[in-house]
Amino acid sequence: MKKALKRHGPPAEITTDGLRSYKAAMSELGNTGKQEVGRWANNRVENSHLPFRRRGRAMLRFRQMKSLQKFASVHANVHNHFNLVRHLTKRQTYKTARSAALAE
């Protein structure tokens, strides 16, 4: 936090969840008045159970945006190709679609 504040300057507001350690850190940095805390103020923190958090952590491994974009474009095509939503289809339909995907 100190490094970000030093590099980018003081923000107008800092959105966090209700964790008490954030309040202590904000008072130590002198940003107590700028802290925004609310139930839906920071959905990324409050909805940490959502699957996009898992994908977000995986994307942090990429050092360059270019390599991330290459991976994401290929991954989306392959994932959509093989993600056949098994629980919504009959077995025979699933097997036919899977065979077609593998053949392609």
PDB file of N, CA and C in Angstrom:
ATOM      1  N   MET A   1       0.825  -1.189   0.000  1.00  0.00           N
ATOM      2  CA  MET A   1       0.000   0.000   0.000  1.00  0.00           C
ATOM      3  C   MET A   1       0.870   1.254   0.000  1.00  0.00           C
ATOM      4  N   LYS A   2       1.927   1.237   0.818  1.00  0.00           N
ATOM      5  CA  LYS A   2       2.815   2.398   0.855  1.00  0.00           C
ATOM      6  C   LYS A   2       3.447   2.652  -0.505  1.00  0.00           C
ATOM      7  N   LYS A   3       3.860   1.564  -1.171  1.00  0.00           N
ATOM      8  CA  LYS A   3       4.503   1.697  -2.471  1.00  0.00           C
ATOM      9  C   LYS A   3       3.528   2.249  -3.507  1.00  0.00           C
ATOM     10  N   ALA A   4       2.290   1.781  -3.479  1.00  0.00           N
ATOM     11  CA  ALA A   4       1.287   2.269  -4.425  1.00  0.00           C
ATOM     12  C   ALA A   4       0.977   3.745  -4.192  1.00  0.00           C
ATOM     13  N   LEU A   5       0.855   4.137  -2.930  1.00  0.00           N
ATOM     14  CA  LEU A   5       0.595   5.538  -2.615  1.00  0.00           C
ATOM     15  C   LEU A   5       1.764   6.431  -3.024  1.00  0.00           C
ATOM     16  N   LYS A   6       2.973   5.921  -2.836  1.00  0.00           N
ATOM     17  CA  LYS A   6       4.156   6.703  -3.199  1.00  0.00           C
ATOM     18  C   LYS A   6       4.261   6.858  -4.711  1.00  0.00           C
ATOM     19  N   ARG A   7       3.934   5.799  -5.419  1.00  0.00           N
ATOM     20  CA  ARG A   7       4.080   5.815  -6.871  1.00  0.00           C
ATOM     21  C   ARG A   7       2.980   6.592  -7.574  1.00  0.00           C
ATOM     22  N   HIS A   8       1.733   6.398  -7.133  1.00  0.00           N
ATOM     23  CA  HIS A   8       0.593   6.977  -7.839  1.00  0.00           C
ATOM     24  C   HIS A   8      -0.028   8.181  -7.146  1.00  0.00           C
ATOM     25  N   GLY A   9       0.431   8.510  -5.966  1.00  0.00           N
ATOM     26  CA  GLY A   9      -0.125   9.647  -5.245  1.00  0.00           C
ATOM     27  C   GLY A   9      -1.351   9.255  -4.436  1.00  0.00           C
ATOM     28  N   PRO A  10      -1.853  10.168  -3.636  1.00  0.00           N
ATOM     29  CA  PRO A  10      -2.997   9.848  -2.785  1.00  0.00           C
ATOM     30  C   PRO A  10      -4.292   9.747  -3.609  1.00  0.00           C
ATOM     31  N   PRO A  11      -5.080   8.698  -3.395  1.00  0.00           N
ATOM     32  CA  PRO A  11      -6.338   8.547  -4.124  1.00  0.00           C
ATOM     33  C   PRO A  11      -7.455   9.355  -3.476  1.00  0.00           C
ATOM     34  N   ALA A  12      -8.534   9.544  -4.226  1.00  0.00           N
ATOM     35  CA  ALA A  12      -9.697  10.241  -3.677  1.00  0.00           C
ATOM     36  C   ALA A  12     -10.395   9.384  -2.634  1.00  0.00           C
ATOM     37  N   GLU A  13     -10.442   8.061  -2.887  1.00  0.00           N
ATOM     38  CA  GLU A  13     -11.032   7.141  -1.919  1.00  0.00           C
ATOM     39  C   GLU A  13     -10.401   5.769  -2.092  1.00  0.00           C
ATOM     40  N   ILE A  14     -10.417   4.992  -1.033  1.00  0.00           N
ATOM     41  CA  ILE A  14      -9.891   3.630  -1.047  1.00  0.00           C
ATOM     42  C   ILE A  14     -11.027   2.713  -0.605  1.00  0.00           C
ATOM     43  N   THR A  15     -11.402   1.789  -1.474  1.00  0.00           N
ATOM     44  CA  THR A  15     -12.514   0.889  -1.186  1.00  0.00           C
ATOM     45  C   THR A  15     -11.970  -0.420  -0.635  1.00  0.00           C
ATOM     46  N   THR A  16     -12.442  -0.809   0.554  1.00  0.00           N
ATOM     47  CA  THR A  16     -12.044  -2.076   1.171  1.00  0.00           C
ATOM     48  C   THR A  16     -13.281  -2.749   1.729  1.00  0.00           C
ATOM     49  N   ASP A  17     -13.097  -3.979   2.203  1.00  0.00           N
ATOM     50  CA  ASP A  17     -14.201  -4.620   2.904  1.00  0.00           C
ATOM     51  C   ASP A  17     -14.115  -4.248   4.384  1.00  0.00           C
ATOM     52  N   GLY A  18     -14.919  -4.864   5.209  1.00  0.00           N
ATOM     53  CA  GLY A  18     -15.019  -4.451   6.601  1.00  0.00           C
ATOM     54  C   GLY A  18     -13.976  -5.020   7.538  1.00  0.00           C
ATOM     55  N   LEU A  19     -12.913  -5.600   7.015  1.00  0.00           N
ATOM     56  CA  LEU A  19     -11.889  -6.190   7.857  1.00  0.00           C
ATOM     57  C   LEU A  19     -11.228  -5.111   8.722  1.00  0.00           C
ATOM     58  N   ARG A  20     -11.081  -5.388  10.011  1.00  0.00           N
ATOM     59  CA  ARG A  20     -10.590  -4.368  10.942  1.00  0.00           C
ATOM     60  C   ARG A  20      -9.129  -3.997  10.702  1.00  0.00           C
ATOM     61  N   SER A  21      -8.358  -4.914  10.147  1.00  0.00           N
ATOM     62  CA  SER A  21      -6.945  -4.607   9.915  1.00  0.00           C
ATOM     63  C   SER A  21      -6.783  -3.512   8.868  1.00  0.00           C
ATOM     64  N   TYR A  22      -7.753  -3.388   7.946  1.00  0.00           N
ATOM     65  CA  TYR A  22      -7.692  -2.302   6.966  1.00  0.00           C
ATOM     66  C   TYR A  22      -7.803  -0.948   7.652  1.00  0.00           C
ATOM     67  N   LYS A  23      -8.672  -0.860   8.658  1.00  0.00           N
ATOM     68  CA  LYS A  23      -8.841   0.408   9.387  1.00  0.00           C
ATOM     69  C   LYS A  23      -7.546   0.784  10.104  1.00  0.00           C
ATOM     70  N   ALA A  24      -6.887  -0.211  10.698  1.00  0.00           N
ATOM     71  CA  ALA A  24      -5.617   0.045  11.376  1.00  0.00           C
ATOM     72  C   ALA A  24      -4.560   0.500  10.383  1.00  0.00           C
ATOM     73  N   ALA A  25      -4.508  -0.140   9.222  1.00  0.00           N
ATOM     74  CA  ALA A  25      -3.515   0.245   8.201  1.00  0.00           C
ATOM     75  C   ALA A  25      -3.814   1.645   7.672  1.00  0.00           C
ATOM     76  N   MET A  26      -5.090   1.961   7.482  1.00  0.00           N
ATOM     77  CA  MET A  26      -5.457   3.285   6.974  1.00  0.00           C
ATOM     78  C   MET A  26      -5.090   4.379   7.975  1.00  0.00           C
ATOM     79  N   SER A  27      -5.289   4.104   9.260  1.00  0.00           N
ATOM     80  CA  SER A  27      -4.931   5.116  10.262  1.00  0.00           C
ATOM     81  C   SER A  27      -3.411   5.286  10.332  1.00  0.00           C
ATOM     82  N   GLU A  28      -2.676   4.202  10.122  1.00  0.00           N
ATOM     83  CA  GLU A  28      -1.212   4.297  10.131  1.00  0.00           C
ATOM     84  C   GLU A  28      -0.707   5.109   8.933  1.00  0.00           C
ATOM     85  N   LEU A  29      -1.379   4.969   7.795  1.00  0.00           N
ATOM     86  CA  LEU A  29      -0.991   5.707   6.592  1.00  0.00           C
ATOM     87  C   LEU A  29      -1.597   7.099   6.525  1.00  0.00           C
ATOM     88  N   GLY A  30      -2.553   7.362   7.398  1.00  0.00           N
ATOM     89  CA  GLY A  30      -3.193   8.670   7.409  1.00  0.00           C
ATOM     90  C   GLY A  30      -4.311   8.820   6.388  1.00  0.00           C
ATOM     91  N   ASN A  31      -4.909   7.725   5.976  1.00  0.00           N
ATOM     92  CA  ASN A  31      -5.987   7.752   4.988  1.00  0.00           C
ATOM     93  C   ASN A  31      -7.323   7.304   5.566  1.00  0.00           C
ATOM     94  N   THR A  32      -7.541   7.472   6.842  1.00  0.00           N
ATOM     95  CA  THR A  32      -8.761   6.980   7.472  1.00  0.00           C
ATOM     96  C   THR A  32     -10.009   7.614   6.878  1.00  0.00           C
ATOM     97  N   GLY A  33      -9.958   8.883   6.572  1.00  0.00           N
ATOM     98  CA  GLY A  33     -11.125   9.568   6.022  1.00  0.00           C
ATOM     99  C   GLY A  33     -11.444   9.184   4.596  1.00  0.00           C
ATOM    100  N   LYS A  34     -10.489   8.590   3.895  1.00  0.00           N
ATOM    101  CA  LYS A  34     -10.682   8.229   2.497  1.00  0.00           C
ATOM    102  C   LYS A  34     -11.170   6.800   2.306  1.00  0.00           C
ATOM    103  N   GLN A  35     -11.266   6.042   3.394  1.00  0.00           N
ATOM    104  CA  GLN A  35     -11.663   4.639   3.289  1.00  0.00           C
ATOM    105  C   GLN A  35     -13.171   4.508   3.094  1.00  0.00           C
ATOM    106  N   GLU A  36     -13.555   3.803   2.046  1.00  0.00           N
ATOM    107  CA  GLU A  36     -14.960   3.510   1.772  1.00  0.00           C
ATOM    108  C   GLU A  36     -15.222   2.052   2.130  1.00  0.00           C
ATOM    109  N   VAL A  37     -16.164   1.833   3.031  1.00  0.00           N
ATOM    110  CA  VAL A  37     -16.518   0.481   3.439  1.00  0.00           C
ATOM    111  C   VAL A  37     -18.011   0.318   3.245  1.00  0.00           C
ATOM    112  N   GLY A  38     -18.389  -0.709   2.524  1.00  0.00           N
ATOM    113  CA  GLY A  38     -19.805  -0.961   2.315  1.00  0.00           C
ATOM    114  C   GLY A  38     -20.020  -2.373   1.841  1.00  0.00           C
ATOM    115  N   ARG A  39     -21.240  -2.839   1.963  1.00  0.00           N
ATOM    116  CA  ARG A  39     -21.529  -4.222   1.614  1.00  0.00           C
ATOM    117  C   ARG A  39     -21.279  -4.495   0.140  1.00  0.00           C
ATOM    118  N   TRP A  40     -21.697  -3.590  -0.720  1.00  0.00           N
ATOM    119  CA  TRP A  40     -21.513  -3.804  -2.153  1.00  0.00           C
ATOM    120  C   TRP A  40     -20.498  -2.837  -2.755  1.00  0.00           C
ATOM    121  N   ALA A  41     -19.771  -2.136  -1.917  1.00  0.00           N
ATOM    122  CA  ALA A  41     -18.807  -1.162  -2.418  1.00  0.00           C
ATOM    123  C   ALA A  41     -17.657  -1.840  -3.159  1.00  0.00           C
ATOM    124  N   ASN A  42     -17.257  -2.997  -2.696  1.00  0.00           N
ATOM    125  CA  ASN A  42     -16.144  -3.700  -3.324  1.00  0.00           C
ATOM    126  C   ASN A  42     -16.563  -5.142  -3.590  1.00  0.00           C
ATOM    127  N   ASN A  43     -17.222  -5.363  -4.697  1.00  0.00           N
ATOM    128  CA  ASN A  43     -17.739  -6.688  -5.004  1.00  0.00           C
ATOM    129  C   ASN A  43     -16.638  -7.734  -5.144  1.00  0.00           C
ATOM    130  N   ARG A  44     -15.475  -7.329  -5.588  1.00  0.00           N
ATOM    131  CA  ARG A  44     -14.381  -8.289  -5.758  1.00  0.00           C
ATOM    132  C   ARG A  44     -13.993  -8.915  -4.414  1.00  0.00           C
ATOM    133  N   VAL A  45     -14.028  -8.140  -3.360  1.00  0.00           N
ATOM    134  CA  VAL A  45     -13.705  -8.667  -2.037  1.00  0.00           C
ATOM    135  C   VAL A  45     -14.902  -9.382  -1.435  1.00  0.00           C
ATOM    136  N   GLU A  46     -16.067  -8.766  -1.521  1.00  0.00           N
ATOM    137  CA  GLU A  46     -17.247  -9.311  -0.866  1.00  0.00           C
ATOM    138  C   GLU A  46     -17.729 -10.609  -1.509  1.00  0.00           C
ATOM    139  N   ASN A  47     -17.516 -10.760  -2.802  1.00  0.00           N
ATOM    140  CA  ASN A  47     -17.970 -11.964  -3.504  1.00  0.00           C
ATOM    141  C   ASN A  47     -16.795 -12.871  -3.825  1.00  0.00           C
ATOM    142  N   SER A  48     -15.946 -13.086  -2.848  1.00  0.00           N
ATOM    143  CA  SER A  48     -14.723 -13.840  -3.099  1.00  0.00           C
ATOM    144  C   SER A  48     -14.988 -15.304  -3.440  1.00  0.00           C
ATOM    145  N   HIS A  49     -16.209 -15.763  -3.268  1.00  0.00           N
ATOM    146  CA  HIS A  49     -16.517 -17.150  -3.585  1.00  0.00           C
ATOM    147  C   HIS A  49     -16.776 -17.363  -5.068  1.00  0.00           C
ATOM    148  N   LEU A  50     -16.849 -16.291  -5.836  1.00  0.00           N
ATOM    149  CA  LEU A  50     -17.153 -16.427  -7.253  1.00  0.00           C
ATOM    150  C   LEU A  50     -15.977 -17.007  -8.027  1.00  0.00           C
ATOM    151  N   PRO A  51     -16.265 -17.723  -9.106  1.00  0.00           N
ATOM    152  CA  PRO A  51     -15.181 -18.380  -9.849  1.00  0.00           C
ATOM    153  C   PRO A  51     -14.212 -17.425 -10.524  1.00  0.00           C
ATOM    154  N   PHE A  52     -14.608 -16.198 -10.792  1.00  0.00           N
ATOM    155  CA  PHE A  52     -13.670 -15.289 -11.467  1.00  0.00           C
ATOM    156  C   PHE A  52     -12.474 -14.965 -10.592  1.00  0.00           C
ATOM    157  N   ARG A  53     -12.592 -15.140  -9.287  1.00  0.00           N
ATOM    158  CA  ARG A  53     -11.434 -14.948  -8.417  1.00  0.00           C
ATOM    159  C   ARG A  53     -10.361 -15.990  -8.747  1.00  0.00           C
ATOM    160  N   ARG A  54     -10.800 -17.235  -8.970  1.00  0.00           N
ATOM    161  CA  ARG A  54      -9.858 -18.292  -9.304  1.00  0.00           C
ATOM    162  C   ARG A  54      -9.165 -17.986 -10.628  1.00  0.00           C
ATOM    163  N   ARG A  55      -9.935 -17.536 -11.605  1.00  0.00           N
ATOM    164  CA  ARG A  55      -9.337 -17.177 -12.895  1.00  0.00           C
ATOM    165  C   ARG A  55      -8.419 -15.973 -12.739  1.00  0.00           C
ATOM    166  N   GLY A  56      -8.811 -15.037 -11.901  1.00  0.00           N
ATOM    167  CA  GLY A  56      -7.979 -13.851 -11.678  1.00  0.00           C
ATOM    168  C   GLY A  56      -6.637 -14.213 -11.071  1.00  0.00           C
ATOM    169  N   ARG A  57      -6.629 -15.143 -10.119  1.00  0.00           N
ATOM    170  CA  ARG A  57      -5.370 -15.578  -9.536  1.00  0.00           C
ATOM    171  C   ARG A  57      -4.495 -16.272 -10.569  1.00  0.00           C
ATOM    172  N   ALA A  58      -5.113 -17.067 -11.447  1.00  0.00           N
ATOM    173  CA  ALA A  58      -4.347 -17.752 -12.490  1.00  0.00           C
ATOM    174  C   ALA A  58      -3.715 -16.743 -13.443  1.00  0.00           C
ATOM    175  N   MET A  59      -4.425 -15.667 -13.730  1.00  0.00           N
ATOM    176  CA  MET A  59      -3.912 -14.673 -14.670  1.00  0.00           C
ATOM    177  C   MET A  59      -2.754 -13.861 -14.080  1.00  0.00           C
ATOM    178  N   LEU A  60      -2.594 -13.860 -12.755  1.00  0.00           N
ATOM    179  CA  LEU A  60      -1.501 -13.113 -12.140  1.00  0.00           C
ATOM    180  C   LEU A  60      -0.136 -13.722 -12.456  1.00  0.00           C
ATOM    181  N   ARG A  61      -0.134 -14.973 -12.915  1.00  0.00           N
ATOM    182  CA  ARG A  61       1.127 -15.634 -13.231  1.00  0.00           C
ATOM    183  C   ARG A  61       1.790 -15.061 -14.475  1.00  0.00           C
ATOM    184  N   PHE A  62       1.030 -14.386 -15.321  1.00  0.00           N
ATOM    185  CA  PHE A  62       1.582 -13.855 -16.559  1.00  0.00           C
ATOM    186  C   PHE A  62       2.332 -12.558 -16.283  1.00  0.00           C
ATOM    187  N   ARG A  63       3.527 -12.460 -16.802  1.00  0.00           N
ATOM    188  CA  ARG A  63       4.348 -11.282 -16.569  1.00  0.00           C
ATOM    189  C   ARG A  63       4.072 -10.179 -17.580  1.00  0.00           C
ATOM    190  N   GLN A  64       3.657 -10.561 -18.787  1.00  0.00           N
ATOM    191  CA  GLN A  64       3.406  -9.575 -19.820  1.00  0.00           C
ATOM    192  C   GLN A  64       1.977  -9.689 -20.319  1.00  0.00           C
ATOM    193  N   MET A  65       1.374  -8.563 -20.632  1.00  0.00           N
ATOM    194  CA  MET A  65       0.007  -8.547 -21.113  1.00  0.00           C
ATOM    195  C   MET A  65      -0.125  -9.288 -22.438  1.00  0.00           C
ATOM    196  N   LYS A  66       0.900  -9.223 -23.267  1.00  0.00           N
ATOM    197  CA  LYS A  66       0.857  -9.880 -24.574  1.00  0.00           C
ATOM    198  C   LYS A  66       0.699 -11.395 -24.426  1.00  0.00           C
ATOM    199  N   SER A  67       1.469 -12.001 -23.511  1.00  0.00           N
ATOM    200  CA  SER A  67       1.369 -13.443 -23.314  1.00  0.00           C
ATOM    201  C   SER A  67       0.029 -13.820 -22.700  1.00  0.00           C
ATOM    202  N   LEU A  68      -0.498 -12.974 -21.842  1.00  0.00           N
ATOM    203  CA  LEU A  68      -1.822 -13.205 -21.271  1.00  0.00           C
ATOM    204  C   LEU A  68      -2.886 -13.188 -22.363  1.00  0.00           C
ATOM    205  N   GLN A  69      -2.801 -12.230 -23.278  1.00  0.00           N
ATOM    206  CA  GLN A  69      -3.776 -12.131 -24.349  1.00  0.00           C
ATOM    207  C   GLN A  69      -3.704 -13.333 -25.276  1.00  0.00           C
ATOM    208  N   LYS A  70      -2.488 -13.791 -25.577  1.00  0.00           N
ATOM    209  CA  LYS A  70      -2.342 -14.989 -26.418  1.00  0.00           C
ATOM    210  C   LYS A  70      -2.996 -16.194 -25.754  1.00  0.00           C
ATOM    211  N   PHE A  71      -2.689 -16.385 -24.466  1.00  0.00           N
ATOM    212  CA  PHE A  71      -3.256 -17.517 -23.752  1.00  0.00           C
ATOM    213  C   PHE A  71      -4.775 -17.423 -23.665  1.00  0.00           C
ATOM    214  N   ALA A  72      -5.279 -16.247 -23.332  1.00  0.00           N
ATOM    215  CA  ALA A  72      -6.721 -16.081 -23.139  1.00  0.00           C
ATOM    216  C   ALA A  72      -7.492 -16.339 -24.436  1.00  0.00           C
ATOM    217  N   SER A  73      -6.957 -15.892 -25.565  1.00  0.00           N
ATOM    218  CA  SER A  73      -7.671 -16.101 -26.825  1.00  0.00           C
ATOM    219  C   SER A  73      -7.739 -17.587 -27.173  1.00  0.00           C
ATOM    220  N   VAL A  74      -6.646 -18.308 -26.977  1.00  0.00           N
ATOM    221  CA  VAL A  74      -6.638 -19.744 -27.263  1.00  0.00           C
ATOM    222  C   VAL A  74      -7.473 -20.494 -26.232  1.00  0.00           C
ATOM    223  N   HIS A  75      -7.318 -20.130 -24.964  1.00  0.00           N
ATOM    224  CA  HIS A  75      -8.033 -20.823 -23.904  1.00  0.00           C
ATOM    225  C   HIS A  75      -9.538 -20.691 -24.067  1.00  0.00           C
ATOM    226  N   ALA A  76     -10.018 -19.512 -24.429  1.00  0.00           N
ATOM    227  CA  ALA A  76     -11.460 -19.312 -24.586  1.00  0.00           C
ATOM    228  C   ALA A  76     -12.018 -20.211 -25.679  1.00  0.00           C
ATOM    229  N   ASN A  77     -11.305 -20.298 -26.793  1.00  0.00           N
ATOM    230  CA  ASN A  77     -11.768 -21.153 -27.889  1.00  0.00           C
ATOM    231  C   ASN A  77     -11.806 -22.621 -27.481  1.00  0.00           C
ATOM    232  N   VAL A  78     -10.741 -23.082 -26.852  1.00  0.00           N
ATOM    233  CA  VAL A  78     -10.672 -24.489 -26.457  1.00  0.00           C
ATOM    234  C   VAL A  78     -11.675 -24.788 -25.352  1.00  0.00           C
ATOM    235  N   HIS A  79     -11.777 -23.903 -24.382  1.00  0.00           N
ATOM    236  CA  HIS A  79     -12.700 -24.124 -23.267  1.00  0.00           C
ATOM    237  C   HIS A  79     -14.142 -24.192 -23.758  1.00  0.00           C
ATOM    238  N   ASN A  80     -14.535 -23.280 -24.613  1.00  0.00           N
ATOM    239  CA  ASN A  80     -15.900 -23.302 -25.145  1.00  0.00           C
ATOM    240  C   ASN A  80     -16.141 -24.522 -26.012  1.00  0.00           C
ATOM    241  N   HIS A  81     -15.091 -25.006 -26.648  1.00  0.00           N
ATOM    242  CA  HIS A  81     -15.207 -26.168 -27.523  1.00  0.00           C
ATOM    243  C   HIS A  81     -15.465 -27.438 -26.728  1.00  0.00           C
ATOM    244  N   PHE A  82     -14.766 -27.589 -25.595  1.00  0.00           N
ATOM    245  CA  PHE A  82     -14.853 -28.823 -24.826  1.00  0.00           C
ATOM    246  C   PHE A  82     -15.768 -28.726 -23.610  1.00  0.00           C
ATOM    247  N   ASN A  83     -16.158 -27.544 -23.204  1.00  0.00           N
ATOM    248  CA  ASN A  83     -17.053 -27.395 -22.057  1.00  0.00           C
ATOM    249  C   ASN A  83     -18.482 -27.596 -22.535  1.00  0.00           C
ATOM    250  N   LEU A  84     -18.965 -28.814 -22.426  1.00  0.00           N
ATOM    251  CA  LEU A  84     -20.240 -29.183 -23.035  1.00  0.00           C
ATOM    252  C   LEU A  84     -21.407 -29.198 -22.055  1.00  0.00           C
ATOM    253  N   VAL A  85     -21.212 -28.720 -20.862  1.00  0.00           N
ATOM    254  CA  VAL A  85     -22.255 -28.614 -19.841  1.00  0.00           C
ATOM    255  C   VAL A  85     -22.965 -29.968 -19.687  1.00  0.00           C
ATOM    256  N   ARG A  86     -22.219 -30.940 -19.198  1.00  0.00           N
ATOM    257  CA  ARG A  86     -22.677 -32.323 -19.107  1.00  0.00           C
ATOM    258  C   ARG A  86     -23.985 -32.476 -18.343  1.00  0.00           C
ATOM    259  N   HIS A  87     -24.177 -31.713 -17.306  1.00  0.00           N
ATOM    260  CA  HIS A  87     -25.357 -31.900 -16.466  1.00  0.00           C
ATOM    261  C   HIS A  87     -26.647 -31.448 -17.149  1.00  0.00           C
ATOM    262  N   LEU A  88     -26.545 -30.776 -18.304  1.00  0.00           N
ATOM    263  CA  LEU A  88     -27.747 -30.301 -18.990  1.00  0.00           C
ATOM    264  C   LEU A  88     -28.086 -31.109 -20.238  1.00  0.00           C
ATOM    265  N   THR A  89     -27.252 -32.077 -20.580  1.00  0.00           N
ATOM    266  CA  THR A  89     -27.482 -32.838 -21.804  1.00  0.00           C
ATOM    267  C   THR A  89     -27.593 -34.323 -21.508  1.00  0.00           C
ATOM    268  N   LYS A  90     -28.215 -35.038 -22.435  1.00  0.00           N
ATOM    269  CA  LYS A  90     -28.311 -36.493 -22.312  1.00  0.00           C
ATOM    270  C   LYS A  90     -26.961 -37.104 -22.639  1.00  0.00           C
ATOM    271  N   ARG A  91     -26.746 -38.305 -22.155  1.00  0.00           N
ATOM    272  CA  ARG A  91     -25.455 -38.963 -22.326  1.00  0.00           C
ATOM    273  C   ARG A  91     -25.100 -39.148 -23.796  1.00  0.00           C
ATOM    274  N   GLN A  92     -26.038 -39.606 -24.603  1.00  0.00           N
ATOM    275  CA  GLN A  92     -25.740 -39.850 -26.005  1.00  0.00           C
ATOM    276  C   GLN A  92     -25.393 -38.546 -26.738  1.00  0.00           C
ATOM    277  N   THR A  93     -26.120 -37.470 -26.431  1.00  0.00           N
ATOM    278  CA  THR A  93     -25.831 -36.173 -27.038  1.00  0.00           C
ATOM    279  C   THR A  93     -24.449 -35.686 -26.613  1.00  0.00           C
ATOM    280  N   TYR A  94     -24.130 -35.873 -25.341  1.00  0.00           N
ATOM    281  CA  TYR A  94     -22.821 -35.477 -24.820  1.00  0.00           C
ATOM    282  C   TYR A  94     -21.703 -36.234 -25.514  1.00  0.00           C
ATOM    283  N   LYS A  95     -21.855 -37.557 -25.640  1.00  0.00           N
ATOM    284  CA  LYS A  95     -20.816 -38.375 -26.266  1.00  0.00           C
ATOM    285  C   LYS A  95     -20.619 -38.001 -27.733  1.00  0.00           C
ATOM    286  N   THR A  96     -21.708 -37.699 -28.423  1.00  0.00           N
ATOM    287  CA  THR A  96     -21.612 -37.298 -29.827  1.00  0.00           C
ATOM    288  C   THR A  96     -20.881 -35.970 -29.960  1.00  0.00           C
ATOM    289  N   ALA A  97     -21.243 -35.015 -29.134  1.00  0.00           N
ATOM    290  CA  ALA A  97     -20.605 -33.693 -29.179  1.00  0.00           C
ATOM    291  C   ALA A  97     -19.130 -33.794 -28.796  1.00  0.00           C
ATOM    292  N   ARG A  98     -18.831 -34.607 -27.800  1.00  0.00           N
ATOM    293  CA  ARG A  98     -17.441 -34.772 -27.363  1.00  0.00           C
ATOM    294  C   ARG A  98     -16.588 -35.404 -28.457  1.00  0.00           C
ATOM    295  N   SER A  99     -17.144 -36.413 -29.122  1.00  0.00           N
ATOM    296  CA  SER A  99     -16.427 -37.061 -30.211  1.00  0.00           C
ATOM    297  C   SER A  99     -16.166 -36.086 -31.358  1.00  0.00           C
ATOM    298  N   ALA A 100     -17.177 -35.259 -31.652  1.00  0.00           N
ATOM    299  CA  ALA A 100     -17.006 -34.255 -32.719  1.00  0.00           C
ATOM    300  C   ALA A 100     -15.936 -33.239 -32.346  1.00  0.00           C
ATOM    301  N   ALA A 101     -15.914 -32.838 -31.084  1.00  0.00           N
ATOM    302  CA  ALA A 101     -14.911 -31.867 -30.627  1.00  0.00           C
ATOM    303  C   ALA A 101     -13.511 -32.454 -30.713  1.00  0.00           C
ATOM    304  N   LEU A 102     -13.356 -33.699 -30.303  1.00  0.00           N
ATOM    305  CA  LEU A 102     -12.041 -34.335 -30.361  1.00  0.00           C
ATOM    306  C   LEU A 102     -11.590 -34.531 -31.807  1.00  0.00           C
ATOM    307  N   ALA A 103     -12.530 -34.908 -32.683  1.00  0.00           N
ATOM    308  CA  ALA A 103     -12.185 -35.108 -34.090  1.00  0.00           C
ATOM    309  C   ALA A 103     -11.748 -33.797 -34.751  1.00  0.00           C
ATOM    310  N   GLU A 104     -12.399 -32.738 -34.356  1.00  0.00           N
ATOM    311  CA  GLU A 104     -12.092 -31.428 -34.940  1.00  0.00           C
ATOM    312  C   GLU A 104     -10.724 -30.959 -34.482  1.00  0.00           C
TER     313      GLU A 104
END
